[in-house]
Amino acid sequence: ETASQPPTFLLGVEPQTPHATVPWRVSVAPRTGGAWGISSKMPDVKAIGNKYTVLRSQTYMGPFWSGSLSLRGQSAEPVSISLFVVDSRIKHLEDIHSQTQCSFEGSWQNFSARHSGQQHRVLTIAQQATAFFLLVSLLMLALVSYRFFYYVESGKLLSRVIAFKFVVQDIPQQMCIVAY
């Protein structure tokens, strides 16, 4: 069931290893009165391996859809395929589709296709490194505060902590910001 108007949803198909390059086909059509709405059927999506595509109906505006996934080849052993269907819940979807500057479908497909790729991995590492640098900063603050309150001569420690923080935190953190 879709809530978007016009009906717009992202279809993601990911065959799992060891059959990551299996050929497949997905058919999507409106579900009207218990039968497939063949006249409003969307074009079949065919591919080998992973594919993300945005499906959008111009003719059928109803909320009920059905689909089928079939293999286009034969396999001697069972094939595992992950299938994702995400409905767009954007309120002003018709306005987005009418814009000529960019392609909503293309942007959504590219974003989803790169979710499990290199860019997602870089962002995850940058997030983890930023959390680590926050911890280092808090530990340095605690050390300087402890020395300041319990020892009078904390000037030498402060200069050492500043130099250590610059090498261990500031330079790597700037690298994470650039990677992000």
N, C-alpha and C. Protein backbone atom coordinates (compact mmCIF):
# COMPACT_ATOMS: atom_id res chain seq x y z
N GLU A 1 0.85 -1.17 0.00
CA GLU A 1 0.00 0.00 0.00
C GLU A 1 0.90 1.24 0.00
N THR A 2 0.64 2.18 -0.89
CA THR A 2 1.42 3.39 -0.97
C THR A 2 0.59 4.58 -0.49
N ALA A 3 1.27 5.55 0.08
CA ALA A 3 0.62 6.78 0.52
C ALA A 3 1.01 7.96 -0.36
N SER A 4 2.00 7.79 -1.20
CA SER A 4 2.49 8.91 -2.02
C SER A 4 1.55 9.17 -3.20
N GLN A 5 1.48 10.42 -3.59
CA GLN A 5 0.69 10.83 -4.76
C GLN A 5 1.53 11.75 -5.62
N PRO A 6 1.86 11.42 -6.83
CA PRO A 6 1.57 10.16 -7.49
C PRO A 6 2.36 9.02 -6.85
N PRO A 7 1.87 7.78 -6.99
CA PRO A 7 2.57 6.65 -6.36
C PRO A 7 4.02 6.58 -6.83
N THR A 8 4.93 6.75 -5.87
CA THR A 8 6.36 6.77 -6.15
C THR A 8 7.05 5.96 -5.08
N PHE A 9 7.78 4.94 -5.48
CA PHE A 9 8.49 4.14 -4.49
C PHE A 9 9.81 3.64 -5.05
N LEU A 10 10.72 3.40 -4.12
CA LEU A 10 12.05 2.91 -4.46
C LEU A 10 12.03 1.39 -4.36
N LEU A 11 12.50 0.74 -5.40
CA LEU A 11 12.63 -0.71 -5.43
C LEU A 11 14.11 -1.05 -5.37
N GLY A 12 14.49 -1.84 -4.39
CA GLY A 12 15.88 -2.28 -4.27
C GLY A 12 15.93 -3.79 -4.27
N VAL A 13 16.76 -4.36 -5.13
CA VAL A 13 16.92 -5.81 -5.21
C VAL A 13 18.39 -6.11 -5.01
N GLU A 14 18.67 -6.97 -4.03
CA GLU A 14 20.06 -7.33 -3.71
C GLU A 14 20.19 -8.84 -3.59
N PRO A 15 20.63 -9.52 -4.67
CA PRO A 15 20.92 -10.95 -4.55
C PRO A 15 22.09 -11.16 -3.58
N GLN A 16 21.98 -12.15 -2.73
CA GLN A 16 22.99 -12.41 -1.71
C GLN A 16 24.03 -13.39 -2.23
N THR A 17 25.22 -13.30 -1.68
CA THR A 17 26.29 -14.21 -2.08
C THR A 17 25.91 -15.63 -1.68
N PRO A 18 26.29 -16.60 -2.41
CA PRO A 18 27.22 -16.64 -3.53
C PRO A 18 26.58 -16.37 -4.89
N HIS A 19 25.31 -15.99 -4.90
CA HIS A 19 24.61 -15.76 -6.16
C HIS A 19 24.39 -14.27 -6.39
N ALA A 20 25.41 -13.46 -6.16
CA ALA A 20 25.28 -12.00 -6.25
C ALA A 20 25.08 -11.52 -7.68
N THR A 21 25.32 -12.35 -8.67
CA THR A 21 25.18 -11.93 -10.06
C THR A 21 24.08 -12.69 -10.78
N VAL A 22 23.08 -13.11 -10.05
CA VAL A 22 21.97 -13.84 -10.66
C VAL A 22 21.06 -12.88 -11.42
N PRO A 23 20.59 -13.27 -12.62
CA PRO A 23 19.65 -12.40 -13.35
C PRO A 23 18.23 -12.56 -12.79
N TRP A 24 17.51 -11.45 -12.70
CA TRP A 24 16.16 -11.46 -12.11
C TRP A 24 15.26 -10.47 -12.83
N ARG A 25 13.96 -10.56 -12.53
CA ARG A 25 12.97 -9.65 -13.09
C ARG A 25 11.92 -9.37 -12.02
N VAL A 26 11.51 -8.10 -11.91
CA VAL A 26 10.45 -7.71 -11.00
C VAL A 26 9.32 -7.09 -11.83
N SER A 27 8.10 -7.55 -11.56
CA SER A 27 6.91 -6.99 -12.21
C SER A 27 6.06 -6.33 -11.13
N VAL A 28 5.58 -5.13 -11.41
CA VAL A 28 4.74 -4.38 -10.46
C VAL A 28 3.52 -3.88 -11.21
N ALA A 29 2.35 -4.08 -10.58
CA ALA A 29 1.09 -3.63 -11.20
C ALA A 29 0.12 -3.26 -10.09
N PRO A 30 -0.86 -2.42 -10.41
CA PRO A 30 -1.88 -2.08 -9.42
C PRO A 30 -2.70 -3.30 -9.03
N ARG A 31 -3.13 -3.33 -7.81
CA ARG A 31 -3.98 -4.40 -7.32
C ARG A 31 -5.40 -3.85 -7.24
N THR A 32 -6.23 -4.21 -8.20
CA THR A 32 -7.59 -3.67 -8.26
C THR A 32 -8.58 -4.81 -8.20
N GLY A 33 -9.44 -4.81 -7.19
CA GLY A 33 -10.51 -5.80 -7.08
C GLY A 33 -10.02 -7.23 -7.05
N GLY A 34 -8.87 -7.49 -6.46
CA GLY A 34 -8.36 -8.85 -6.35
C GLY A 34 -7.63 -9.33 -7.59
N ALA A 35 -7.51 -8.51 -8.63
CA ALA A 35 -6.81 -8.91 -9.85
C ALA A 35 -5.72 -7.89 -10.17
N TRP A 36 -4.79 -8.33 -10.99
CA TRP A 36 -3.72 -7.43 -11.44
C TRP A 36 -4.30 -6.44 -12.44
N GLY A 37 -3.92 -5.18 -12.29
CA GLY A 37 -4.33 -4.16 -13.26
C GLY A 37 -3.35 -4.12 -14.41
N ILE A 38 -3.50 -5.01 -15.36
CA ILE A 38 -2.54 -5.16 -16.45
C ILE A 38 -2.43 -3.89 -17.28
N SER A 39 -3.52 -3.17 -17.46
CA SER A 39 -3.46 -1.97 -18.30
C SER A 39 -2.58 -0.88 -17.70
N SER A 40 -2.45 -0.85 -16.37
CA SER A 40 -1.63 0.17 -15.71
C SER A 40 -0.32 -0.39 -15.20
N LYS A 41 0.03 -1.59 -15.66
CA LYS A 41 1.26 -2.25 -15.20
C LYS A 41 2.49 -1.42 -15.55
N MET A 42 3.40 -1.35 -14.62
CA MET A 42 4.66 -0.64 -14.87
C MET A 42 5.59 -1.54 -15.68
N PRO A 43 6.54 -0.94 -16.37
CA PRO A 43 7.51 -1.76 -17.11
C PRO A 43 8.29 -2.66 -16.15
N ASP A 44 8.58 -3.88 -16.59
CA ASP A 44 9.35 -4.80 -15.77
C ASP A 44 10.75 -4.23 -15.52
N VAL A 45 11.27 -4.52 -14.36
CA VAL A 45 12.63 -4.14 -14.00
C VAL A 45 13.47 -5.39 -14.11
N LYS A 46 14.48 -5.37 -14.98
CA LYS A 46 15.35 -6.53 -15.18
C LYS A 46 16.78 -6.11 -14.92
N ALA A 47 17.52 -7.00 -14.28
CA ALA A 47 18.93 -6.70 -14.02
C ALA A 47 19.67 -7.97 -13.64
N ILE A 48 20.96 -7.83 -13.52
CA ILE A 48 21.83 -8.87 -12.99
C ILE A 48 22.55 -8.25 -11.80
N GLY A 49 22.42 -8.87 -10.64
CA GLY A 49 23.04 -8.34 -9.43
C GLY A 49 22.17 -7.26 -8.79
N ASN A 50 22.81 -6.39 -8.01
CA ASN A 50 22.10 -5.34 -7.27
C ASN A 50 21.56 -4.28 -8.21
N LYS A 51 20.37 -3.78 -7.87
CA LYS A 51 19.80 -2.65 -8.62
C LYS A 51 18.82 -1.91 -7.73
N TYR A 52 18.86 -0.59 -7.84
CA TYR A 52 17.92 0.30 -7.14
C TYR A 52 17.28 1.16 -8.20
N THR A 53 15.97 1.20 -8.19
CA THR A 53 15.27 2.01 -9.18
C THR A 53 14.01 2.61 -8.56
N VAL A 54 13.64 3.78 -9.03
CA VAL A 54 12.43 4.45 -8.56
C VAL A 54 11.32 4.16 -9.55
N LEU A 55 10.20 3.68 -9.03
CA LEU A 55 9.02 3.41 -9.85
C LEU A 55 7.98 4.48 -9.57
N ARG A 56 7.38 4.99 -10.64
CA ARG A 56 6.39 6.07 -10.50
C ARG A 56 5.27 5.83 -11.49
N SER A 57 4.05 5.88 -10.99
CA SER A 57 2.89 5.64 -11.85
C SER A 57 2.29 6.96 -12.29
N GLN A 58 2.03 7.07 -13.57
CA GLN A 58 1.36 8.25 -14.12
C GLN A 58 -0.13 7.98 -14.33
N THR A 59 -0.49 6.69 -14.44
CA THR A 59 -1.87 6.37 -14.81
C THR A 59 -2.72 5.93 -13.62
N TYR A 60 -2.22 5.06 -12.78
CA TYR A 60 -3.00 4.55 -11.65
C TYR A 60 -2.59 5.29 -10.39
N MET A 61 -3.54 5.95 -9.73
CA MET A 61 -3.24 6.75 -8.54
C MET A 61 -3.70 6.07 -7.25
N GLY A 62 -4.14 4.84 -7.34
CA GLY A 62 -4.62 4.12 -6.14
C GLY A 62 -3.48 3.67 -5.25
N PRO A 63 -3.79 3.27 -4.02
CA PRO A 63 -2.76 2.92 -3.05
C PRO A 63 -2.32 1.45 -3.08
N PHE A 64 -3.07 0.56 -3.76
CA PHE A 64 -2.78 -0.87 -3.64
C PHE A 64 -2.02 -1.39 -4.85
N TRP A 65 -0.88 -2.02 -4.57
CA TRP A 65 0.00 -2.54 -5.61
C TRP A 65 0.41 -3.96 -5.26
N SER A 66 0.75 -4.72 -6.28
CA SER A 66 1.28 -6.07 -6.10
C SER A 66 2.50 -6.20 -6.99
N GLY A 67 3.34 -7.12 -6.61
CA GLY A 67 4.54 -7.33 -7.39
C GLY A 67 5.00 -8.77 -7.32
N SER A 68 5.87 -9.13 -8.25
CA SER A 68 6.46 -10.46 -8.22
C SER A 68 7.92 -10.37 -8.62
N LEU A 69 8.71 -11.23 -8.01
CA LEU A 69 10.14 -11.33 -8.31
C LEU A 69 10.38 -12.72 -8.87
N SER A 70 11.03 -12.79 -10.00
CA SER A 70 11.34 -14.11 -10.58
C SER A 70 12.77 -14.12 -11.10
N LEU A 71 13.38 -15.29 -11.03
CA LEU A 71 14.73 -15.46 -11.57
C LEU A 71 14.64 -15.68 -13.07
N ARG A 72 15.59 -15.13 -13.81
CA ARG A 72 15.60 -15.30 -15.27
C ARG A 72 16.54 -16.41 -15.70
N GLY A 73 17.12 -17.08 -14.77
CA GLY A 73 18.00 -18.19 -15.07
C GLY A 73 17.72 -19.32 -14.09
N GLN A 74 18.51 -20.37 -14.17
CA GLN A 74 18.32 -21.49 -13.26
C GLN A 74 19.53 -21.62 -12.36
N SER A 75 19.27 -22.11 -11.15
CA SER A 75 20.35 -22.32 -10.19
C SER A 75 20.15 -23.69 -9.55
N ALA A 76 21.25 -24.37 -9.33
CA ALA A 76 21.19 -25.71 -8.74
C ALA A 76 20.86 -25.67 -7.25
N GLU A 77 21.12 -24.54 -6.62
CA GLU A 77 20.86 -24.42 -5.18
C GLU A 77 19.97 -23.21 -4.93
N PRO A 78 19.36 -23.15 -3.75
CA PRO A 78 18.46 -22.02 -3.45
C PRO A 78 19.20 -20.67 -3.51
N VAL A 79 18.49 -19.66 -4.00
CA VAL A 79 19.05 -18.32 -4.14
C VAL A 79 18.35 -17.41 -3.14
N SER A 80 19.12 -16.63 -2.42
CA SER A 80 18.57 -15.68 -1.45
C SER A 80 18.68 -14.27 -2.03
N ILE A 81 17.53 -13.57 -2.06
CA ILE A 81 17.50 -12.22 -2.61
C ILE A 81 16.78 -11.32 -1.61
N SER A 82 17.40 -10.18 -1.28
CA SER A 82 16.74 -9.17 -0.44
C SER A 82 16.02 -8.20 -1.34
N LEU A 83 14.76 -7.95 -1.04
CA LEU A 83 13.94 -7.06 -1.83
C LEU A 83 13.41 -5.97 -0.92
N PHE A 84 13.62 -4.70 -1.31
CA PHE A 84 13.19 -3.56 -0.53
C PHE A 84 12.24 -2.71 -1.36
N VAL A 85 11.15 -2.28 -0.75
CA VAL A 85 10.24 -1.35 -1.39
C VAL A 85 9.98 -0.25 -0.37
N VAL A 86 10.34 0.99 -0.72
CA VAL A 86 10.19 2.13 0.17
C VAL A 86 9.29 3.15 -0.50
N ASP A 87 8.20 3.49 0.17
CA ASP A 87 7.25 4.48 -0.34
C ASP A 87 7.74 5.87 0.03
N SER A 88 7.63 6.79 -0.90
CA SER A 88 8.01 8.18 -0.62
C SER A 88 6.88 8.85 0.15
N ARG A 89 7.21 9.42 1.30
CA ARG A 89 6.19 10.07 2.14
C ARG A 89 6.30 11.59 2.09
N ILE A 90 6.90 12.13 1.06
CA ILE A 90 7.08 13.57 0.93
C ILE A 90 5.74 14.20 0.55
N LYS A 91 5.34 15.22 1.27
CA LYS A 91 4.03 15.86 1.06
C LYS A 91 3.94 16.55 -0.30
N HIS A 92 4.99 17.21 -0.73
CA HIS A 92 4.97 17.99 -1.97
C HIS A 92 5.64 17.23 -3.12
N LEU A 93 5.32 15.96 -3.24
CA LEU A 93 5.96 15.09 -4.23
C LEU A 93 5.69 15.54 -5.67
N GLU A 94 4.49 15.99 -5.95
CA GLU A 94 4.16 16.44 -7.31
C GLU A 94 5.01 17.65 -7.71
N ASP A 95 5.27 18.56 -6.76
CA ASP A 95 6.12 19.72 -7.05
C ASP A 95 7.55 19.28 -7.34
N ILE A 96 8.02 18.30 -6.61
CA ILE A 96 9.39 17.81 -6.82
C ILE A 96 9.51 17.17 -8.20
N HIS A 97 8.52 16.38 -8.59
CA HIS A 97 8.56 15.73 -9.90
C HIS A 97 8.51 16.73 -11.04
N SER A 98 7.85 17.88 -10.84
CA SER A 98 7.71 18.85 -11.93
C SER A 98 8.94 19.73 -12.11
N GLN A 99 9.91 19.66 -11.22
CA GLN A 99 11.12 20.48 -11.36
C GLN A 99 11.99 19.95 -12.49
N THR A 100 12.56 20.87 -13.24
CA THR A 100 13.42 20.47 -14.36
C THR A 100 14.90 20.50 -13.98
N GLN A 101 15.23 21.08 -12.83
CA GLN A 101 16.64 21.23 -12.45
C GLN A 101 17.30 19.92 -12.09
N CYS A 102 16.56 19.06 -11.40
CA CYS A 102 17.17 17.80 -10.98
C CYS A 102 16.14 16.68 -11.08
N SER A 103 16.65 15.47 -11.04
CA SER A 103 15.79 14.30 -11.13
C SER A 103 15.62 13.70 -9.74
N PHE A 104 14.40 13.74 -9.24
CA PHE A 104 14.12 13.15 -7.93
C PHE A 104 14.42 11.66 -7.96
N GLU A 105 14.00 10.98 -9.02
CA GLU A 105 14.22 9.55 -9.14
C GLU A 105 15.72 9.22 -9.15
N GLY A 106 16.46 9.98 -9.96
CA GLY A 106 17.90 9.74 -10.05
C GLY A 106 18.62 9.98 -8.74
N SER A 107 18.24 11.03 -8.03
CA SER A 107 18.86 11.32 -6.74
C SER A 107 18.58 10.22 -5.73
N TRP A 108 17.34 9.77 -5.69
CA TRP A 108 16.95 8.73 -4.72
C TRP A 108 17.65 7.41 -5.04
N GLN A 109 17.74 7.06 -6.32
CA GLN A 109 18.42 5.84 -6.72
C GLN A 109 19.90 5.90 -6.35
N ASN A 110 20.55 7.02 -6.67
CA ASN A 110 21.99 7.14 -6.37
C ASN A 110 22.25 7.09 -4.88
N PHE A 111 21.41 7.76 -4.09
CA PHE A 111 21.59 7.74 -2.65
C PHE A 111 21.46 6.32 -2.10
N SER A 112 20.47 5.59 -2.57
CA SER A 112 20.25 4.23 -2.08
C SER A 112 21.34 3.27 -2.56
N ALA A 113 21.79 3.44 -3.78
CA ALA A 113 22.83 2.55 -4.32
C ALA A 113 24.15 2.73 -3.58
N ARG A 114 24.42 3.92 -3.08
CA ARG A 114 25.69 4.17 -2.41
C ARG A 114 25.62 3.92 -0.90
N HIS A 115 24.45 3.54 -0.40
CA HIS A 115 24.31 3.32 1.04
C HIS A 115 25.28 2.25 1.54
N SER A 116 25.47 1.20 0.77
CA SER A 116 26.36 0.14 1.22
C SER A 116 27.73 0.25 0.56
N GLY A 117 28.04 1.38 -0.01
CA GLY A 117 29.30 1.54 -0.72
C GLY A 117 30.36 2.28 0.07
N GLN A 118 31.34 2.78 -0.64
CA GLN A 118 32.51 3.43 -0.07
C GLN A 118 32.15 4.69 0.72
N GLN A 119 31.25 5.52 0.20
CA GLN A 119 30.92 6.77 0.89
C GLN A 119 30.28 6.51 2.24
N HIS A 120 29.42 5.51 2.35
CA HIS A 120 28.80 5.19 3.63
C HIS A 120 29.85 4.74 4.64
N ARG A 121 30.83 3.97 4.17
CA ARG A 121 31.90 3.49 5.05
C ARG A 121 32.74 4.66 5.56
N VAL A 122 33.05 5.61 4.69
CA VAL A 122 33.83 6.78 5.10
C VAL A 122 33.06 7.60 6.15
N LEU A 123 31.76 7.78 5.94
CA LEU A 123 30.96 8.53 6.90
C LEU A 123 30.89 7.82 8.25
N THR A 124 30.78 6.51 8.23
CA THR A 124 30.74 5.75 9.48
C THR A 124 32.06 5.86 10.23
N ILE A 125 33.16 5.76 9.53
CA ILE A 125 34.49 5.89 10.17
C ILE A 125 34.67 7.31 10.71
N ALA A 126 34.23 8.33 9.96
CA ALA A 126 34.34 9.71 10.43
C ALA A 126 33.51 9.92 11.69
N GLN A 127 32.33 9.33 11.76
CA GLN A 127 31.49 9.45 12.95
C GLN A 127 32.14 8.79 14.16
N GLN A 128 32.70 7.60 13.98
CA GLN A 128 33.38 6.91 15.08
C GLN A 128 34.63 7.67 15.53
N ALA A 129 35.37 8.21 14.58
CA ALA A 129 36.57 8.96 14.94
C ALA A 129 36.21 10.24 15.69
N THR A 130 35.15 10.90 15.30
CA THR A 130 34.72 12.11 16.00
C THR A 130 34.34 11.80 17.44
N ALA A 131 33.66 10.68 17.67
CA ALA A 131 33.32 10.27 19.04
C ALA A 131 34.60 9.98 19.84
N PHE A 132 35.58 9.36 19.21
CA PHE A 132 36.86 9.10 19.88
C PHE A 132 37.56 10.40 20.25
N PHE A 133 37.56 11.36 19.34
CA PHE A 133 38.22 12.63 19.61
C PHE A 133 37.52 13.42 20.71
N LEU A 134 36.22 13.28 20.82
CA LEU A 134 35.48 13.90 21.92
C LEU A 134 35.92 13.29 23.24
N LEU A 135 36.09 11.98 23.27
CA LEU A 135 36.55 11.31 24.49
C LEU A 135 37.96 11.77 24.86
N VAL A 136 38.86 11.87 23.89
CA VAL A 136 40.22 12.34 24.15
C VAL A 136 40.18 13.76 24.71
N SER A 137 39.38 14.61 24.15
CA SER A 137 39.26 15.99 24.61
C SER A 137 38.76 16.05 26.05
N LEU A 138 37.76 15.25 26.37
CA LEU A 138 37.24 15.23 27.75
C LEU A 138 38.27 14.71 28.74
N LEU A 139 39.04 13.71 28.35
CA LEU A 139 40.10 13.20 29.22
C LEU A 139 41.19 14.26 29.46
N MET A 140 41.56 14.98 28.42
CA MET A 140 42.56 16.05 28.57
C MET A 140 42.03 17.15 29.48
N LEU A 141 40.78 17.50 29.33
CA LEU A 141 40.17 18.51 30.19
C LEU A 141 40.16 18.06 31.65
N ALA A 142 39.84 16.80 31.87
CA ALA A 142 39.84 16.27 33.24
C ALA A 142 41.24 16.28 33.83
N LEU A 143 42.25 15.93 33.06
CA LEU A 143 43.63 15.92 33.55
C LEU A 143 44.10 17.32 33.90
N VAL A 144 43.87 18.28 33.02
CA VAL A 144 44.30 19.65 33.28
C VAL A 144 43.54 20.22 34.48
N SER A 145 42.25 19.95 34.59
CA SER A 145 41.47 20.44 35.73
C SER A 145 41.97 19.84 37.03
N TYR A 146 42.28 18.55 37.04
CA TYR A 146 42.80 17.89 38.23
C TYR A 146 44.12 18.52 38.67
N ARG A 147 45.02 18.69 37.72
CA ARG A 147 46.32 19.29 38.05
C ARG A 147 46.16 20.75 38.48
N PHE A 148 45.24 21.47 37.89
CA PHE A 148 45.03 22.87 38.24
C PHE A 148 44.54 23.02 39.68
N PHE A 149 43.63 22.16 40.10
CA PHE A 149 43.05 22.27 41.43
C PHE A 149 43.94 21.70 42.53
N TYR A 150 44.77 20.70 42.22
CA TYR A 150 45.56 20.06 43.26
C TYR A 150 47.05 20.41 43.24
N TYR A 151 47.52 21.00 42.17
CA TYR A 151 48.93 21.38 42.09
C TYR A 151 49.03 22.82 41.59
N VAL A 152 49.94 23.57 42.17
CA VAL A 152 50.10 24.97 41.78
C VAL A 152 50.82 25.06 40.45
N GLU A 153 51.83 24.25 40.21
CA GLU A 153 52.67 24.32 39.02
C GLU A 153 52.06 23.48 37.89
N SER A 154 51.04 23.99 37.22
CA SER A 154 50.42 23.22 36.15
C SER A 154 50.70 23.82 34.77
N GLY A 155 51.52 24.86 34.69
CA GLY A 155 51.82 25.51 33.42
C GLY A 155 52.55 24.60 32.46
N LYS A 156 53.52 23.83 32.97
CA LYS A 156 54.26 22.92 32.10
C LYS A 156 53.34 21.81 31.58
N LEU A 157 52.48 21.31 32.45
CA LEU A 157 51.55 20.27 32.03
C LEU A 157 50.59 20.80 30.96
N LEU A 158 50.13 22.02 31.14
CA LEU A 158 49.20 22.59 30.18
C LEU A 158 49.82 22.68 28.79
N SER A 159 51.07 23.12 28.70
CA SER A 159 51.72 23.21 27.39
C SER A 159 51.92 21.83 26.78
N ARG A 160 52.22 20.82 27.60
CA ARG A 160 52.37 19.45 27.09
C ARG A 160 51.03 18.90 26.60
N VAL A 161 49.97 19.15 27.36
CA VAL A 161 48.65 18.67 26.98
C VAL A 161 48.20 19.34 25.68
N ILE A 162 48.48 20.62 25.53
CA ILE A 162 48.10 21.33 24.30
C ILE A 162 48.84 20.73 23.10
N ALA A 163 50.12 20.46 23.25
CA ALA A 163 50.89 19.86 22.15
C ALA A 163 50.39 18.45 21.84
N PHE A 164 50.13 17.66 22.90
CA PHE A 164 49.61 16.30 22.71
C PHE A 164 48.25 16.32 22.01
N LYS A 165 47.38 17.21 22.46
CA LYS A 165 46.03 17.33 21.87
C LYS A 165 46.12 17.74 20.41
N PHE A 166 47.04 18.62 20.07
CA PHE A 166 47.19 19.05 18.69
C PHE A 166 47.57 17.88 17.79
N VAL A 167 48.51 17.05 18.23
CA VAL A 167 48.99 15.94 17.42
C VAL A 167 47.99 14.79 17.38
N VAL A 168 47.39 14.45 18.55
CA VAL A 168 46.54 13.27 18.65
C VAL A 168 45.10 13.56 18.25
N GLN A 169 44.62 14.79 18.45
CA GLN A 169 43.22 15.06 18.18
C GLN A 169 42.98 16.04 17.05
N ASP A 170 43.58 17.21 17.10
CA ASP A 170 43.22 18.27 16.15
C ASP A 170 43.54 17.92 14.70
N ILE A 171 44.74 17.43 14.44
CA ILE A 171 45.12 17.10 13.06
C ILE A 171 44.27 15.95 12.52
N PRO A 172 44.13 14.80 13.25
CA PRO A 172 43.24 13.74 12.73
C PRO A 172 41.79 14.16 12.60
N GLN A 173 41.32 15.01 13.50
CA GLN A 173 39.93 15.46 13.42
C GLN A 173 39.71 16.30 12.17
N GLN A 174 40.67 17.13 11.81
CA GLN A 174 40.56 17.91 10.59
C GLN A 174 40.53 16.98 9.36
N MET A 175 41.27 15.88 9.41
CA MET A 175 41.23 14.90 8.33
C MET A 175 39.84 14.28 8.22
N CYS A 176 39.21 13.99 9.35
CA CYS A 176 37.85 13.44 9.35
C CYS A 176 36.86 14.43 8.77
N ILE A 177 37.02 15.70 9.09
CA ILE A 177 36.11 16.71 8.56
C ILE A 177 36.26 16.81 7.04
N VAL A 178 37.50 16.74 6.56
CA VAL A 178 37.72 16.78 5.11
C VAL A 178 37.11 15.54 4.45
N ALA A 179 37.26 14.35 5.09
CA ALA A 179 36.70 13.11 4.52
C ALA A 179 35.19 13.13 4.54
N TYR A 180 34.61 13.79 5.52
CA TYR A 180 33.16 13.84 5.65
C TYR A 180 32.58 14.73 4.58
